[in-house]
N, C-alpha and C. Protein backbone atom coordinates (compact mmCIF):
# COMPACT_ATOMS: atom_id res chain seq x y z
N UNK A 1 61.65 7.58 47.52
CA UNK A 1 62.56 9.02 47.23
C UNK A 1 63.86 7.98 47.14
N UNK A 2 64.02 7.77 48.31
CA UNK A 2 65.72 7.14 48.32
C UNK A 2 66.00 5.82 47.15
N UNK A 3 65.10 5.06 46.73
CA UNK A 3 64.99 4.42 45.85
C UNK A 3 65.56 4.38 44.59
N UNK A 4 64.39 5.38 44.38
CA UNK A 4 64.48 6.10 43.13
C UNK A 4 65.53 7.26 42.75
N UNK A 5 66.59 7.91 43.96
CA UNK A 5 67.25 8.16 43.28
C UNK A 5 68.54 7.81 43.03
N UNK A 6 68.69 6.33 43.70
CA UNK A 6 69.95 5.13 43.99
C UNK A 6 69.43 4.79 42.38
N UNK A 7 68.17 4.65 41.76
CA UNK A 7 68.20 4.01 40.76
C UNK A 7 68.27 4.33 39.50
N UNK A 8 68.31 5.89 40.10
CA UNK A 8 68.45 7.29 38.65
C UNK A 8 69.95 7.19 38.66
N UNK A 9 70.83 6.89 39.80
CA UNK A 9 72.23 6.88 40.06
C UNK A 9 72.72 6.12 39.31
N UNK A 10 72.15 4.63 39.38
CA UNK A 10 72.91 3.54 38.85
C UNK A 10 72.63 3.58 37.35
N UNK A 11 71.89 4.74 36.58
CA UNK A 11 72.08 4.53 35.22
C UNK A 11 73.14 5.12 34.57
N UNK A 12 73.80 6.18 35.37
CA UNK A 12 75.20 6.97 34.96
C UNK A 12 76.14 6.54 35.64
N UNK A 13 76.00 6.07 36.51
CA UNK A 13 77.17 5.49 37.29
C UNK A 13 77.68 3.82 36.81
N UNK A 14 78.82 3.75 36.35
CA UNK A 14 79.11 2.57 36.28
C UNK A 14 79.58 1.52 37.50
N UNK A 15 79.97 2.41 38.64
CA UNK A 15 79.88 1.70 39.32
C UNK A 15 79.10 0.95 40.47
N UNK A 16 78.26 1.58 40.67
CA UNK A 16 76.89 0.65 41.35
C UNK A 16 75.78 0.15 39.55
N UNK A 17 75.81 0.52 38.24
CA UNK A 17 75.15 0.14 37.74
C UNK A 17 75.09 -1.79 37.69
N UNK A 18 74.04 -1.93 37.67
CA UNK A 18 73.33 -3.25 38.12
C UNK A 18 73.80 -3.68 39.33
N UNK A 19 73.97 -3.09 40.48
CA UNK A 19 74.55 -3.27 41.68
C UNK A 19 73.00 -3.09 42.65
N UNK A 20 72.50 -2.10 42.07
CA UNK A 20 71.25 -1.59 43.08
C UNK A 20 69.92 -2.26 43.02
N UNK A 21 69.84 -2.64 44.45
CA UNK A 21 68.49 -3.23 44.79
C UNK A 21 67.83 -2.79 46.03
N UNK A 22 66.48 -2.97 45.68
CA UNK A 22 65.40 -2.24 46.37
C UNK A 22 64.94 -2.60 47.32
N UNK A 23 64.26 -2.97 48.52
CA UNK A 23 63.64 -3.76 49.51
C UNK A 23 62.74 -2.73 50.10
N UNK A 24 61.38 -3.05 49.41
CA UNK A 24 60.25 -2.18 50.26
C UNK A 24 59.53 -2.64 51.50
N UNK A 25 59.67 -2.34 52.42
CA UNK A 25 59.22 -3.11 53.77
C UNK A 25 57.65 -2.43 54.08
N UNK A 26 56.49 -3.31 54.18
CA UNK A 26 55.33 -2.58 54.69
C UNK A 26 54.93 -3.46 55.64
N UNK A 27 53.82 -2.63 56.18
CA UNK A 27 53.28 -3.09 57.33
C UNK A 27 52.74 -4.12 57.01
N UNK A 28 51.62 -5.98 57.60
CA UNK A 28 51.10 -6.69 57.66
C UNK A 28 49.80 -5.68 56.81
N UNK A 29 49.03 -4.83 57.55
CA UNK A 29 47.44 -4.40 57.46
C UNK A 29 48.21 -2.76 58.02
N UNK A 30 47.14 -1.58 57.26
CA UNK A 30 46.88 -0.27 57.45
C UNK A 30 46.42 -0.79 59.05
N UNK A 31 46.18 -1.40 59.29
CA UNK A 31 45.38 -1.65 60.88
C UNK A 31 46.44 -1.88 61.88
N UNK A 32 47.83 -2.48 61.51
CA UNK A 32 48.80 -2.77 62.43
C UNK A 32 49.40 -1.36 62.47
N UNK A 33 49.35 -0.52 61.68
CA UNK A 33 50.04 1.03 61.91
C UNK A 33 48.91 1.56 63.28
N UNK A 34 47.71 1.43 62.59
CA UNK A 34 46.49 2.34 63.34
C UNK A 34 47.15 1.86 64.80
N UNK A 35 46.70 0.56 65.19
CA UNK A 35 46.92 0.08 66.67
C UNK A 35 48.47 0.04 67.56
N UNK A 36 49.95 0.40 66.67
CA UNK A 36 50.82 0.58 67.11
C UNK A 36 50.84 2.35 67.62
N UNK A 37 50.24 3.17 66.48
CA UNK A 37 50.08 4.27 66.97
C UNK A 37 49.03 4.48 68.27
N UNK A 38 47.93 3.90 68.25
CA UNK A 38 47.46 4.14 69.35
C UNK A 38 48.08 3.59 70.58
N UNK A 39 48.74 2.65 70.33
CA UNK A 39 49.07 2.02 71.86
C UNK A 39 50.55 3.37 72.63
N UNK A 40 50.90 3.87 71.26
CA UNK A 40 51.53 4.93 71.62
C UNK A 40 51.61 6.25 72.17
N UNK A 41 50.10 6.38 71.91
CA UNK A 41 49.58 7.51 72.49
C UNK A 41 49.26 9.15 71.28
N UNK A 42 49.39 8.50 70.39
CA UNK A 42 49.22 9.75 69.11
C UNK A 42 47.52 9.53 69.26
N UNK A 43 47.13 10.73 68.53
CA UNK A 43 46.40 11.42 68.30
C UNK A 43 45.59 10.52 67.17
N UNK A 44 44.23 10.51 67.41
CA UNK A 44 43.14 10.24 66.29
C UNK A 44 43.62 11.16 64.85
N UNK A 45 44.10 12.30 65.19
CA UNK A 45 44.28 13.27 63.94
C UNK A 45 45.69 12.81 63.08
N UNK A 46 46.72 12.48 64.19
CA UNK A 46 48.05 12.31 64.19
C UNK A 46 47.97 10.46 63.34
N UNK A 47 47.20 9.89 63.90
CA UNK A 47 46.89 8.40 63.34
C UNK A 47 46.33 8.45 61.91
N UNK A 48 45.22 9.19 61.34
CA UNK A 48 44.67 9.44 60.24
C UNK A 48 45.51 9.71 59.33
N UNK A 49 46.50 10.91 59.52
CA UNK A 49 47.46 11.25 58.90
C UNK A 49 48.73 10.32 58.34
N UNK A 50 48.80 9.68 59.16
CA UNK A 50 49.48 8.77 58.75
C UNK A 50 49.20 7.63 57.95
N UNK A 51 47.89 7.29 57.95
CA UNK A 51 47.34 6.33 57.41
C UNK A 51 47.07 6.79 55.93
N UNK A 52 46.97 8.07 55.88
CA UNK A 52 47.03 8.35 54.68
C UNK A 52 48.39 8.33 53.73
N UNK A 53 49.53 8.66 54.33
CA UNK A 53 50.45 8.66 53.82
C UNK A 53 50.99 7.26 53.54
N UNK A 54 50.55 6.47 54.45
CA UNK A 54 51.14 5.08 54.40
C UNK A 54 50.05 4.66 52.86
N UNK A 55 49.07 4.63 52.84
CA UNK A 55 48.18 4.50 51.70
C UNK A 55 48.70 4.75 50.44
N UNK A 56 49.37 6.09 50.20
CA UNK A 56 49.94 6.46 49.04
C UNK A 56 51.45 5.85 49.13
N UNK A 57 52.50 5.77 50.42
CA UNK A 57 53.37 5.05 50.30
C UNK A 57 52.99 3.57 49.29
N UNK A 58 52.39 3.04 50.00
CA UNK A 58 51.80 1.47 49.42
C UNK A 58 51.73 1.37 47.80
N UNK A 59 51.56 2.00 47.31
CA UNK A 59 51.08 2.31 45.81
C UNK A 59 52.59 2.62 45.41
N UNK A 60 53.74 2.61 45.83
CA UNK A 60 54.98 2.77 45.59
C UNK A 60 55.68 1.40 45.67
N UNK A 61 54.73 0.11 46.30
CA UNK A 61 55.98 -0.93 45.97
C UNK A 61 56.23 -1.73 44.94
N UNK A 62 55.82 -0.93 43.88
CA UNK A 62 56.02 -1.53 42.19
C UNK A 62 57.34 -0.77 41.91
N UNK A 63 57.55 -0.17 42.40
CA UNK A 63 58.76 0.55 41.97
C UNK A 63 59.92 -0.02 42.73
N UNK A 64 59.76 -1.00 43.71
CA UNK A 64 61.03 -1.59 44.54
C UNK A 64 61.28 -2.83 43.90
N UNK A 65 62.82 -3.78 44.30
CA UNK A 65 62.62 -4.78 43.23
C UNK A 65 62.00 -5.97 44.14
N UNK A 66 62.29 -5.67 45.82
CA UNK A 66 61.62 -7.13 46.33
C UNK A 66 61.00 -6.39 46.99
N UNK A 67 60.10 -6.92 48.21
CA UNK A 67 59.37 -6.57 49.45
C UNK A 67 59.45 -7.42 50.35
N UNK A 68 58.87 -6.96 51.57
CA UNK A 68 58.87 -7.99 52.53
C UNK A 68 57.61 -7.29 53.81
N UNK A 69 57.32 -8.24 54.26
CA UNK A 69 55.94 -7.53 54.95
C UNK A 69 57.07 -7.53 56.84
N UNK A 70 56.94 -6.50 57.13
CA UNK A 70 57.15 -6.07 58.32
C UNK A 70 56.42 -6.69 59.73
N UNK A 71 57.39 -7.41 60.24
CA UNK A 71 57.22 -8.12 61.46
C UNK A 71 57.12 -7.91 62.68
N UNK A 72 58.68 -8.79 63.52
CA UNK A 72 59.12 -7.88 64.11
C UNK A 72 60.62 -7.49 63.51
N UNK A 73 61.56 -6.75 64.54
CA UNK A 73 63.01 -6.11 63.77
C UNK A 73 63.78 -7.21 63.88
N UNK A 74 63.77 -7.88 64.35
CA UNK A 74 64.71 -9.35 64.42
C UNK A 74 64.17 -10.52 62.92
N UNK A 75 62.86 -10.50 62.53
CA UNK A 75 62.59 -11.01 61.99
C UNK A 75 62.63 -10.12 60.45
N UNK A 76 62.21 -8.96 60.62
CA UNK A 76 62.30 -8.11 59.10
C UNK A 76 64.55 -7.97 58.47
N UNK A 77 65.04 -7.97 59.99
CA UNK A 77 66.54 -8.06 59.98
C UNK A 77 66.87 -9.58 59.03
N UNK A 78 66.16 -10.29 59.64
CA UNK A 78 66.57 -12.39 59.04
C UNK A 78 66.02 -11.80 57.60
N UNK A 79 64.93 -11.27 57.51
CA UNK A 79 64.71 -11.22 55.70
C UNK A 79 65.50 -10.46 55.01
N UNK A 80 66.13 -9.09 55.47
CA UNK A 80 66.55 -8.52 54.76
C UNK A 80 68.34 -9.39 54.73
N UNK A 81 68.81 -10.12 55.70
CA UNK A 81 69.98 -10.48 55.67
C UNK A 81 69.49 -11.87 54.35
N UNK A 82 68.79 -12.54 54.05
CA UNK A 82 67.99 -13.66 53.44
C UNK A 82 68.48 -12.75 51.75
N UNK A 83 67.63 -11.86 51.76
CA UNK A 83 67.60 -10.93 50.42
C UNK A 83 69.14 -10.64 50.27
N UNK A 84 69.80 -9.98 51.22
CA UNK A 84 70.83 -9.88 50.61
C UNK A 84 72.14 -11.05 50.67
N UNK A 85 71.84 -12.32 50.86
CA UNK A 85 72.45 -13.64 50.53
C UNK A 85 72.38 -13.97 49.17
N UNK A 86 71.02 -13.81 48.81
CA UNK A 86 70.48 -14.30 47.50
C UNK A 86 70.75 -13.72 46.21
N UNK A 87 71.07 -12.45 46.81
CA UNK A 87 71.70 -11.39 45.69
C UNK A 87 73.41 -11.54 45.88
N UNK A 88 73.87 -12.12 46.80
CA UNK A 88 75.32 -11.98 46.81
C UNK A 88 76.26 -13.00 46.10
N UNK A 89 75.25 -13.82 45.82
CA UNK A 89 75.48 -15.30 45.95
C UNK A 89 75.56 -15.69 44.14
């Protein structure tokens, strides 16, 4: 929702028009979500609810300018920095 909000704002605000770039951060797989939640001790019901939400969210990837597959926090940050650098050069 946030990316959509900014994209819509950019249509009518010359200060950000042409400057909005969105990045979709997705899991390597739904199994990764399941495993992480199970390790955290989430219930089977919570896990299934989150997986259904994730499936819906993954369908929104096409509305983003770029996407990365989430790995570790450090790798995700490095990927985001690389995207930022490529845009700002």
